[in-house]
Amino acid sequence: MLTALRRKLRPVGTPKGPGNRTRWTKEQEDWIVARMSNEEADGDRRLKQIEDRQLASEFDAKFNVGRTVKSIIHKKAKLSRAHAEIKIQKKPKRYTQEEKSFIIKYKQAGKALEQMITDFQQKFGSEHTNDGLQIKWYRFTKAQPGRTAISRKGQSKKSASSGSATDQIPVNKESTSTRGTRKRKRAVAGGNEQSDAGSRQDNAEVARPSEQTIQNATANEQTGKSTRSRQVKKDSADGEPTVPRQSKRLKRIG
């Protein structure tokens, strides 16, 4: 819409401007490419600018299409990039499974590298270079397909991963208790093993309950059993299920 409006407002016969000139022809592009191939590669920026301006003036004198110096220099840079991309060699083709097996078969047979290269190129063509085939040959020497990869420590990854956690973590089999270890260290450091043993024996005697306490506990247990049995008998006589009643404390906990 805006473009159409501008066309209407523009007076008749006015030039469109530098951005809307005629398209580049094949002849013009070929002439620039030919001039680029004749130029010597030089790293000096000032010289390049002088050459570009000279090229633009020669282009204008030859074709006379009213192109600016800037547009000609930009076109030259664009064509030089495209020309460089054409010159770059393509990436080498990937090796197929048949080609890999061919190299491995020759390797396992113990044949020479030169013989493998000549036979390979006769069978599959010369698409793969001699250097590429040599690299592939030595790569298969280092690690053939199907072999277990070796880690830096010299242990295979499979065996390293299959080990259990207990094998990998060292465990002190003598004692896992920290307190016992500290006691042992103190006893060894101070030389008080006998005194420690005596104190342990005294502590054991103090902690042991008396005979009277044991008898009281046994009597209480027996009376508790008889009370429970009487309660069960009473419940069965009333016709209720013979399940002992829970105490209030147990009910609160439950």
C-alpha atoms as a PDB file:
ATOM      1  CA  MET A   1       0.000   0.000   0.000  1.00  0.00           C
ATOM      2  CA  LEU A   2       2.764   2.432   0.981  1.00  0.00           C
ATOM      3  CA  THR A   3       4.866   1.472  -2.052  1.00  0.00           C
ATOM      4  CA  ALA A   4       1.942   2.144  -4.402  1.00  0.00           C
ATOM      5  CA  LEU A   5       1.412   5.528  -2.763  1.00  0.00           C
ATOM      6  CA  ARG A   6       5.057   6.448  -3.257  1.00  0.00           C
ATOM      7  CA  ARG A   7       4.864   5.487  -6.920  1.00  0.00           C
ATOM      8  CA  LYS A   8       1.917   7.833  -7.375  1.00  0.00           C
ATOM      9  CA  LEU A   9       3.642  10.698  -5.573  1.00  0.00           C
ATOM     10  CA  ARG A  10       6.944  10.325  -7.446  1.00  0.00           C
ATOM     11  CA  PRO A  11       7.208  12.603 -10.499  1.00  0.00           C
ATOM     12  CA  VAL A  12       7.468  10.948 -13.905  1.00  0.00           C
ATOM     13  CA  GLY A  13      10.990  10.329 -15.168  1.00  0.00           C
ATOM     14  CA  THR A  14      12.728  10.370 -11.759  1.00  0.00           C
ATOM     15  CA  PRO A  15      15.303   7.575 -11.251  1.00  0.00           C
ATOM     16  CA  LYS A  16      14.388   4.866  -8.719  1.00  0.00           C
ATOM     17  CA  GLY A  17      17.635   5.124  -6.775  1.00  0.00           C
ATOM     18  CA  PRO A  18      20.755   3.004  -6.235  1.00  0.00           C
ATOM     19  CA  GLY A  19      18.919   0.166  -4.464  1.00  0.00           C
ATOM     20  CA  ASN A  20      16.512  -0.588  -7.316  1.00  0.00           C
ATOM     21  CA  ARG A  21      18.825  -0.894 -10.300  1.00  0.00           C
ATOM     22  CA  THR A  22      18.765  -3.692 -12.847  1.00  0.00           C
ATOM     23  CA  ARG A  23      19.692  -7.234 -11.825  1.00  0.00           C
ATOM     24  CA  TRP A  24      23.175  -8.644 -12.142  1.00  0.00           C
ATOM     25  CA  THR A  25      23.640 -10.584 -15.371  1.00  0.00           C
ATOM     26  CA  LYS A  26      25.690 -13.738 -15.790  1.00  0.00           C
ATOM     27  CA  GLU A  27      28.152 -11.874 -17.999  1.00  0.00           C
ATOM     28  CA  GLN A  28      28.832  -9.255 -15.321  1.00  0.00           C
ATOM     29  CA  GLU A  29      29.350 -11.884 -12.594  1.00  0.00           C
ATOM     30  CA  ASP A  30      31.687 -13.939 -14.814  1.00  0.00           C
ATOM     31  CA  TRP A  31      33.747 -10.823 -15.571  1.00  0.00           C
ATOM     32  CA  ILE A  32      34.190 -10.119 -11.826  1.00  0.00           C
ATOM     33  CA  VAL A  33      35.131 -13.762 -11.119  1.00  0.00           C
ATOM     34  CA  ALA A  34      37.705 -13.694 -13.929  1.00  0.00           C
ATOM     35  CA  ARG A  35      39.220 -10.515 -12.506  1.00  0.00           C
ATOM     36  CA  MET A  36      39.347 -12.099  -9.017  1.00  0.00           C
ATOM     37  CA  SER A  37      41.239 -15.140 -10.296  1.00  0.00           C
ATOM     38  CA  ASN A  38      43.831 -12.866 -11.967  1.00  0.00           C
ATOM     39  CA  GLU A  39      44.420 -10.876  -8.765  1.00  0.00           C
ATOM     40  CA  GLU A  40      47.235 -11.860  -6.448  1.00  0.00           C
ATOM     41  CA  ALA A  41      46.315 -12.549  -2.828  1.00  0.00           C
ATOM     42  CA  ASP A  42      47.645  -9.733  -0.687  1.00  0.00           C
ATOM     43  CA  GLY A  43      47.034  -9.100   2.999  1.00  0.00           C
ATOM     44  CA  ASP A  44      47.398  -5.294   2.855  1.00  0.00           C
ATOM     45  CA  ARG A  45      44.021  -3.637   3.371  1.00  0.00           C
ATOM     46  CA  ARG A  46      44.924  -0.383   1.599  1.00  0.00           C
ATOM     47  CA  LEU A  47      46.022  -2.229  -1.516  1.00  0.00           C
ATOM     48  CA  LYS A  48      42.778  -4.210  -1.513  1.00  0.00           C
ATOM     49  CA  GLN A  49      40.733  -1.014  -1.344  1.00  0.00           C
ATOM     50  CA  ILE A  50      42.660   0.475  -4.293  1.00  0.00           C
ATOM     51  CA  GLU A  51      42.156  -2.720  -6.317  1.00  0.00           C
ATOM     52  CA  ASP A  52      38.435  -2.751  -5.503  1.00  0.00           C
ATOM     53  CA  ARG A  53      38.015   0.852  -6.641  1.00  0.00           C
ATOM     54  CA  GLN A  54      39.960   0.158  -9.814  1.00  0.00           C
ATOM     55  CA  LEU A  55      37.764  -2.888 -10.477  1.00  0.00           C
ATOM     56  CA  ALA A  56      34.615  -0.794  -9.965  1.00  0.00           C
ATOM     57  CA  SER A  57      35.804   1.898 -12.386  1.00  0.00           C
ATOM     58  CA  GLU A  58      36.694  -0.711 -15.036  1.00  0.00           C
ATOM     59  CA  PHE A  59      33.316  -2.403 -14.538  1.00  0.00           C
ATOM     60  CA  ASP A  60      31.497   0.914 -14.988  1.00  0.00           C
ATOM     61  CA  ALA A  61      33.504   1.736 -18.122  1.00  0.00           C
ATOM     62  CA  LYS A  62      32.769  -1.682 -19.646  1.00  0.00           C
ATOM     63  CA  PHE A  63      29.070  -2.208 -18.827  1.00  0.00           C
ATOM     64  CA  ASN A  64      27.860   1.339 -18.058  1.00  0.00           C
ATOM     65  CA  VAL A  65      24.784   0.290 -16.048  1.00  0.00           C
ATOM     66  CA  GLY A  66      25.094   3.020 -13.411  1.00  0.00           C
ATOM     67  CA  ARG A  67      26.136   0.825 -10.486  1.00  0.00           C
ATOM     68  CA  THR A  68      27.813   2.428  -7.475  1.00  0.00           C
ATOM     69  CA  VAL A  69      31.331   1.518  -6.350  1.00  0.00           C
ATOM     70  CA  LYS A  70      29.932   0.148  -3.078  1.00  0.00           C
ATOM     71  CA  SER A  71      27.503  -2.219  -4.822  1.00  0.00           C
ATOM     72  CA  ILE A  72      30.257  -3.562  -7.109  1.00  0.00           C
ATOM     73  CA  ILE A  73      32.602  -4.167  -4.148  1.00  0.00           C
ATOM     74  CA  HIS A  74      29.818  -5.952  -2.233  1.00  0.00           C
ATOM     75  CA  LYS A  75      29.073  -8.125  -5.243  1.00  0.00           C
ATOM     76  CA  LYS A  76      32.743  -8.998  -5.567  1.00  0.00           C
ATOM     77  CA  ALA A  77      32.913 -10.029  -1.876  1.00  0.00           C
ATOM     78  CA  LYS A  78      29.793 -12.167  -2.257  1.00  0.00           C
ATOM     79  CA  LEU A  79      31.141 -13.887  -5.371  1.00  0.00           C
ATOM     80  CA  SER A  80      34.526 -14.488  -3.721  1.00  0.00           C
ATOM     81  CA  ARG A  81      32.830 -16.239  -0.773  1.00  0.00           C
ATOM     82  CA  ALA A  82      30.798 -18.433  -3.126  1.00  0.00           C
ATOM     83  CA  HIS A  83      33.913 -19.151  -5.190  1.00  0.00           C
ATOM     84  CA  ALA A  84      35.827 -20.201  -2.050  1.00  0.00           C
ATOM     85  CA  GLU A  85      33.010 -22.543  -0.970  1.00  0.00           C
ATOM     86  CA  ILE A  86      33.140 -24.305  -4.344  1.00  0.00           C
ATOM     87  CA  LYS A  87      36.887 -24.806  -3.987  1.00  0.00           C
ATOM     88  CA  ILE A  88      36.561 -26.403  -0.541  1.00  0.00           C
ATOM     89  CA  GLN A  89      36.694 -30.184  -0.835  1.00  0.00           C
ATOM     90  CA  LYS A  90      33.680 -32.118   0.273  1.00  0.00           C
ATOM     91  CA  LYS A  91      33.765 -34.082   3.506  1.00  0.00           C
ATOM     92  CA  PRO A  92      35.018 -37.636   3.006  1.00  0.00           C
ATOM     93  CA  LYS A  93      32.308 -40.199   2.534  1.00  0.00           C
ATOM     94  CA  ARG A  94      31.490 -42.432   5.495  1.00  0.00           C
ATOM     95  CA  TYR A  95      32.758 -45.999   5.415  1.00  0.00           C
ATOM     96  CA  THR A  96      30.025 -48.564   4.850  1.00  0.00           C
ATOM     97  CA  GLN A  97      29.838 -51.778   6.854  1.00  0.00           C
ATOM     98  CA  GLU A  98      31.117 -53.747   3.862  1.00  0.00           C
ATOM     99  CA  GLU A  99      34.177 -51.506   3.538  1.00  0.00           C
ATOM    100  CA  LYS A 100      34.914 -51.740   7.267  1.00  0.00           C
ATOM    101  CA  SER A 101      34.660 -55.531   7.231  1.00  0.00           C
ATOM    102  CA  PHE A 102      36.974 -55.612   4.184  1.00  0.00           C
ATOM    103  CA  ILE A 103      39.678 -53.677   6.088  1.00  0.00           C
ATOM    104  CA  ILE A 104      39.234 -55.808   9.236  1.00  0.00           C
ATOM    105  CA  LYS A 105      39.466 -59.023   7.205  1.00  0.00           C
ATOM    106  CA  TYR A 106      42.780 -57.942   5.675  1.00  0.00           C
ATOM    107  CA  LYS A 107      44.011 -56.872   9.098  1.00  0.00           C
ATOM    108  CA  GLN A 108      43.162 -60.220  10.690  1.00  0.00           C
ATOM    109  CA  ALA A 109      44.774 -62.094   7.789  1.00  0.00           C
ATOM    110  CA  GLY A 110      48.041 -60.257   8.519  1.00  0.00           C
ATOM    111  CA  LYS A 111      48.380 -58.697   5.064  1.00  0.00           C
ATOM    112  CA  ALA A 112      50.312 -55.515   4.326  1.00  0.00           C
ATOM    113  CA  LEU A 113      48.775 -52.048   4.346  1.00  0.00           C
ATOM    114  CA  GLU A 114      49.796 -51.276   0.736  1.00  0.00           C
ATOM    115  CA  GLN A 115      48.146 -54.446  -0.527  1.00  0.00           C
ATOM    116  CA  MET A 116      44.938 -53.579   1.338  1.00  0.00           C
ATOM    117  CA  ILE A 117      44.880 -50.057  -0.163  1.00  0.00           C
ATOM    118  CA  THR A 118      45.342 -51.289  -3.746  1.00  0.00           C
ATOM    119  CA  ASP A 119      42.722 -54.036  -3.378  1.00  0.00           C
ATOM    120  CA  PHE A 120      40.313 -51.650  -1.643  1.00  0.00           C
ATOM    121  CA  GLN A 121      40.569 -49.054  -4.419  1.00  0.00           C
ATOM    122  CA  GLN A 122      40.156 -51.722  -7.089  1.00  0.00           C
ATOM    123  CA  LYS A 123      36.999 -53.017  -5.453  1.00  0.00           C
ATOM    124  CA  PHE A 124      35.332 -49.850  -4.091  1.00  0.00           C
ATOM    125  CA  GLY A 125      36.919 -47.102  -6.218  1.00  0.00           C
ATOM    126  CA  SER A 126      39.272 -44.263  -5.323  1.00  0.00           C
ATOM    127  CA  GLU A 127      36.762 -42.165  -3.376  1.00  0.00           C
ATOM    128  CA  HIS A 128      38.640 -42.765  -0.109  1.00  0.00           C
ATOM    129  CA  THR A 129      42.181 -41.394  -0.148  1.00  0.00           C
ATOM    130  CA  ASN A 130      45.291 -43.348   0.794  1.00  0.00           C
ATOM    131  CA  ASP A 131      45.722 -41.261   3.958  1.00  0.00           C
ATOM    132  CA  GLY A 132      42.134 -41.916   4.998  1.00  0.00           C
ATOM    133  CA  LEU A 133      42.526 -45.657   4.465  1.00  0.00           C
ATOM    134  CA  GLN A 134      45.761 -45.639   6.441  1.00  0.00           C
ATOM    135  CA  ILE A 135      44.087 -43.839   9.360  1.00  0.00           C
ATOM    136  CA  LYS A 136      41.218 -46.337   9.289  1.00  0.00           C
ATOM    137  CA  TRP A 137      43.702 -49.244   9.200  1.00  0.00           C
ATOM    138  CA  TYR A 138      45.539 -48.092  12.333  1.00  0.00           C
ATOM    139  CA  ARG A 139      42.289 -47.184  14.073  1.00  0.00           C
ATOM    140  CA  PHE A 140      41.068 -50.758  13.683  1.00  0.00           C
ATOM    141  CA  THR A 141      44.422 -51.906  15.057  1.00  0.00           C
ATOM    142  CA  LYS A 142      43.935 -49.966  18.290  1.00  0.00           C
ATOM    143  CA  ALA A 143      40.322 -50.937  19.000  1.00  0.00           C
ATOM    144  CA  GLN A 144      38.461 -53.451  16.892  1.00  0.00           C
ATOM    145  CA  PRO A 145      34.639 -53.378  16.922  1.00  0.00           C
ATOM    146  CA  GLY A 146      33.184 -55.412  19.795  1.00  0.00           C
ATOM    147  CA  ARG A 147      36.137 -55.077  22.145  1.00  0.00           C
ATOM    148  CA  THR A 148      35.618 -53.765  25.659  1.00  0.00           C
ATOM    149  CA  ALA A 149      36.783 -50.192  26.125  1.00  0.00           C
ATOM    150  CA  ILE A 150      39.608 -49.784  28.627  1.00  0.00           C
ATOM    151  CA  SER A 151      39.443 -47.015  31.202  1.00  0.00           C
ATOM    152  CA  ARG A 152      42.419 -44.911  32.304  1.00  0.00           C
ATOM    153  CA  LYS A 153      43.148 -47.053  35.366  1.00  0.00           C
ATOM    154  CA  GLY A 154      43.545 -50.160  33.218  1.00  0.00           C
ATOM    155  CA  GLN A 155      40.296 -51.738  34.398  1.00  0.00           C
ATOM    156  CA  SER A 156      37.511 -52.455  31.939  1.00  0.00           C
ATOM    157  CA  LYS A 157      34.392 -50.308  32.255  1.00  0.00           C
ATOM    158  CA  LYS A 158      32.160 -53.365  32.474  1.00  0.00           C
ATOM    159  CA  SER A 159      33.994 -54.851  35.447  1.00  0.00           C
ATOM    160  CA  ALA A 160      34.231 -51.462  37.155  1.00  0.00           C
ATOM    161  CA  SER A 161      30.516 -50.852  36.896  1.00  0.00           C
ATOM    162  CA  SER A 162      29.517 -54.393  37.887  1.00  0.00           C
ATOM    163  CA  GLY A 163      31.263 -54.227  41.277  1.00  0.00           C
ATOM    164  CA  SER A 164      29.031 -53.918  44.337  1.00  0.00           C
ATOM    165  CA  ALA A 165      29.048 -50.938  46.667  1.00  0.00           C
ATOM    166  CA  THR A 166      30.597 -52.949  49.520  1.00  0.00           C
ATOM    167  CA  ASP A 167      33.568 -53.920  47.337  1.00  0.00           C
ATOM    168  CA  GLN A 168      34.320 -50.345  46.405  1.00  0.00           C
ATOM    169  CA  ILE A 169      33.943 -48.735  49.870  1.00  0.00           C
ATOM    170  CA  PRO A 170      36.558 -49.875  52.424  1.00  0.00           C
ATOM    171  CA  VAL A 171      34.964 -51.020  55.683  1.00  0.00           C
ATOM    172  CA  ASN A 172      36.693 -51.259  59.068  1.00  0.00           C
ATOM    173  CA  LYS A 173      35.884 -54.855  60.068  1.00  0.00           C
ATOM    174  CA  GLU A 174      37.191 -54.503  63.625  1.00  0.00           C
ATOM    175  CA  SER A 175      34.657 -52.005  64.848  1.00  0.00           C
ATOM    176  CA  THR A 176      32.073 -49.729  63.316  1.00  0.00           C
ATOM    177  CA  SER A 177      31.333 -48.004  66.640  1.00  0.00           C
ATOM    178  CA  THR A 178      32.975 -44.634  67.139  1.00  0.00           C
ATOM    179  CA  ARG A 179      32.697 -44.790  70.903  1.00  0.00           C
ATOM    180  CA  GLY A 180      34.451 -48.146  71.116  1.00  0.00           C
ATOM    181  CA  THR A 181      37.250 -46.881  68.922  1.00  0.00           C
ATOM    182  CA  ARG A 182      37.739 -43.847  71.141  1.00  0.00           C
ATOM    183  CA  LYS A 183      37.829 -46.052  74.266  1.00  0.00           C
ATOM    184  CA  ARG A 184      40.373 -48.330  72.658  1.00  0.00           C
ATOM    185  CA  LYS A 185      42.515 -45.384  71.627  1.00  0.00           C
ATOM    186  CA  ARG A 186      42.429 -43.942  75.147  1.00  0.00           C
ATOM    187  CA  ALA A 187      43.310 -47.312  76.682  1.00  0.00           C
ATOM    188  CA  VAL A 188      46.233 -47.858  74.325  1.00  0.00           C
ATOM    189  CA  ALA A 189      47.488 -44.297  74.694  1.00  0.00           C
ATOM    190  CA  GLY A 190      47.321 -44.221  78.514  1.00  0.00           C
ATOM    191  CA  GLY A 191      48.174 -47.854  79.181  1.00  0.00           C
ATOM    192  CA  ASN A 192      45.171 -48.196  81.512  1.00  0.00           C
ATOM    193  CA  GLU A 193      43.672 -51.396  80.130  1.00  0.00           C
ATOM    194  CA  GLN A 194      43.440 -53.084  83.544  1.00  0.00           C
ATOM    195  CA  SER A 195      41.830 -50.074  85.221  1.00  0.00           C
ATOM    196  CA  ASP A 196      39.295 -49.831  82.383  1.00  0.00           C
ATOM    197  CA  ALA A 197      38.429 -53.508  82.754  1.00  0.00           C
ATOM    198  CA  GLY A 198      37.981 -53.095  86.528  1.00  0.00           C
ATOM    199  CA  SER A 199      35.747 -50.079  86.123  1.00  0.00           C
ATOM    200  CA  ARG A 200      33.628 -51.952  83.572  1.00  0.00           C
ATOM    201  CA  GLN A 201      33.201 -54.843  86.031  1.00  0.00           C
ATOM    202  CA  ASP A 202      32.165 -52.457  88.839  1.00  0.00           C
ATOM    203  CA  ASN A 203      29.650 -50.793  86.587  1.00  0.00           C
ATOM    204  CA  ALA A 204      28.177 -54.161  85.655  1.00  0.00           C
ATOM    205  CA  GLU A 205      27.781 -55.088  89.346  1.00  0.00           C
ATOM    206  CA  VAL A 206      26.082 -51.783  90.134  1.00  0.00           C
ATOM    207  CA  ALA A 207      23.714 -52.115  87.202  1.00  0.00           C
ATOM    208  CA  ARG A 208      22.675 -55.688  88.159  1.00  0.00           C
ATOM    209  CA  PRO A 209      19.325 -55.803  90.098  1.00  0.00           C
ATOM    210  CA  SER A 210      19.126 -57.408  93.533  1.00  0.00           C
ATOM    211  CA  GLU A 211      17.514 -60.806  94.270  1.00  0.00           C
ATOM    212  CA  GLN A 212      14.577 -59.168  96.082  1.00  0.00           C
ATOM    213  CA  THR A 213      13.762 -57.028  93.052  1.00  0.00           C
ATOM    214  CA  ILE A 214      13.779 -60.089  90.794  1.00  0.00           C
ATOM    215  CA  GLN A 215      11.434 -62.006  93.155  1.00  0.00           C
ATOM    216  CA  ASN A 216       9.008 -59.061  93.357  1.00  0.00           C
ATOM    217  CA  ALA A 217       8.929 -58.762  89.588  1.00  0.00           C
ATOM    218  CA  THR A 218       8.197 -62.503  89.220  1.00  0.00           C
ATOM    219  CA  ALA A 219       5.385 -62.347  91.783  1.00  0.00           C
ATOM    220  CA  ASN A 220       3.835 -59.331  90.079  1.00  0.00           C
ATOM    221  CA  GLU A 221       3.932 -61.107  86.763  1.00  0.00           C
ATOM    222  CA  GLN A 222       2.204 -64.200  88.191  1.00  0.00           C
ATOM    223  CA  THR A 223      -0.506 -62.139  89.889  1.00  0.00           C
ATOM    224  CA  GLY A 224      -1.050 -60.250  86.652  1.00  0.00           C
ATOM    225  CA  LYS A 225      -1.499 -63.515  84.786  1.00  0.00           C
ATOM    226  CA  SER A 226      -4.024 -64.814  87.313  1.00  0.00           C
ATOM    227  CA  THR A 227      -5.991 -61.532  87.208  1.00  0.00           C
ATOM    228  CA  ARG A 228      -6.156 -61.682  83.439  1.00  0.00           C
ATOM    229  CA  SER A 229      -7.298 -65.309  83.474  1.00  0.00           C
ATOM    230  CA  ARG A 230     -10.049 -64.469  85.998  1.00  0.00           C
ATOM    231  CA  GLN A 231     -11.209 -61.582  83.816  1.00  0.00           C
ATOM    232  CA  VAL A 232     -11.349 -63.839  80.742  1.00  0.00           C
ATOM    233  CA  LYS A 233     -13.386 -66.451  82.647  1.00  0.00           C
ATOM    234  CA  LYS A 234     -15.823 -63.778  83.838  1.00  0.00           C
ATOM    235  CA  ASP A 235     -16.308 -62.471  80.290  1.00  0.00           C
ATOM    236  CA  SER A 236     -16.920 -65.964  78.919  1.00  0.00           C
ATOM    237  CA  ALA A 237     -19.490 -66.603  81.644  1.00  0.00           C
ATOM    238  CA  ASP A 238     -21.357 -63.418  80.667  1.00  0.00           C
ATOM    239  CA  GLY A 239     -21.409 -64.561  77.053  1.00  0.00           C
ATOM    240  CA  GLU A 240     -18.960 -61.934  75.752  1.00  0.00           C
ATOM    241  CA  PRO A 241     -15.967 -62.854  73.600  1.00  0.00           C
ATOM    242  CA  THR A 242     -13.004 -64.133  75.580  1.00  0.00           C
ATOM    243  CA  VAL A 243     -10.676 -61.241  74.732  1.00  0.00           C
ATOM    244  CA  PRO A 244      -8.786 -59.495  77.535  1.00  0.00           C
ATOM    245  CA  ARG A 245      -9.785 -55.878  78.061  1.00  0.00           C
ATOM    246  CA  GLN A 246      -7.322 -53.190  77.169  1.00  0.00           C
ATOM    247  CA  SER A 247      -6.134 -50.822  79.827  1.00  0.00           C
ATOM    248  CA  LYS A 248      -6.903 -47.102  79.622  1.00  0.00           C
ATOM    249  CA  ARG A 249      -3.297 -46.355  78.731  1.00  0.00           C
ATOM    250  CA  LEU A 250      -3.338 -48.792  75.814  1.00  0.00           C
ATOM    251  CA  LYS A 251      -6.662 -47.348  74.635  1.00  0.00           C
ATOM    252  CA  ARG A 252      -5.193 -43.855  74.670  1.00  0.00           C
ATOM    253  CA  ILE A 253      -2.174 -44.996  72.698  1.00  0.00           C
ATOM    254  CA  GLY A 254      -4.343 -46.939  70.248  1.00  0.00           C
END
